[in-house]
Amino acid sequence: MTHVSNVQSFEKLLGICTGYGGSYNPGKQNLRVEILSDLLKQAQDKLLQVSIAKSNHEQAQNEREIAFTEMRALTSRIMAELRSSGALPQTIADASVMARRIRGYSKADKAGITAEKGKASEPETASRKRNSADFANSAAYLEKLLQTLGNEPRYQPMNPELQLETLQAMLTRLRSLNAAVVNAYAAWSNARHERTTFLYLGPECLHNTAMAMKHQVQATFGFNSEAHALVRKVHFTKLIK
């Protein structure tokens, strides 16, 4: 929230300088009230863009989390269908490895998770802590599982949700959702960089302009003036050095 506080302080400082009327009449163009008003609007827009990009990233994460959670829950039904089909034990064993990896735990973990009530959903609850690479790995394991199912002629489910065509469409969607999170994060990162640059970097950034405004007030009214005492109470934090 320090960025927001700095922009609010700048708005307060601008209000003070505007209140001086014609007495505040700097020679430097970028310290004039009309230019400062535009600078304030741009700063507020930068903050808004960061907020929007962050919300978009969170929404993309939520949609991905829901979809992957549904997919992980579906793997147990896929395995049940495969076992009921009369598939070879070796095929079932191969598919089980992929199913466990999709759900985020090994065979040894499974014993510990199912031993205690309520632990069965642990891989799903932990999904928020996974990064995009983990989700990409889950999608890759699903692809391998579907390859195994496709090579098993006995796997012929009547339920549309378990049919290969439906599962292939799910795989495509999962990869699309993961890519959306990656892109949303990049947009958020770029928005933060633009905000930081605008507020703190460069000779005429918002922070440096605010300091120049204070110096201009001191030059105009004097160090011991009430006007200068007022602007000295407006504080800024420079996060970038």
Foldseek 3Di string as FASTA:
>chain_A
DQLVLQLVLLVVLLVLLVVVPPLQDDPDPCLDSVNSVVLSVVLVVLVVQLVVLVVQLVVLLVVLLVLLLVVLVCLVVLLVLVVVLPWDPVLSVLLVQLSQLLLPHGPVVVVVQVVDPPSPCVSSVCVSVDALVSLVVSLVSLVVSLVSLVVTPSRDDPPPCNDSVNSVVSSVVSVVSSVSSVVSVVSSVVSVVVSLCQQANDCSHVVNSLVVNLVSQCVSQNCPDPSSVVSVPSDHDRPPD
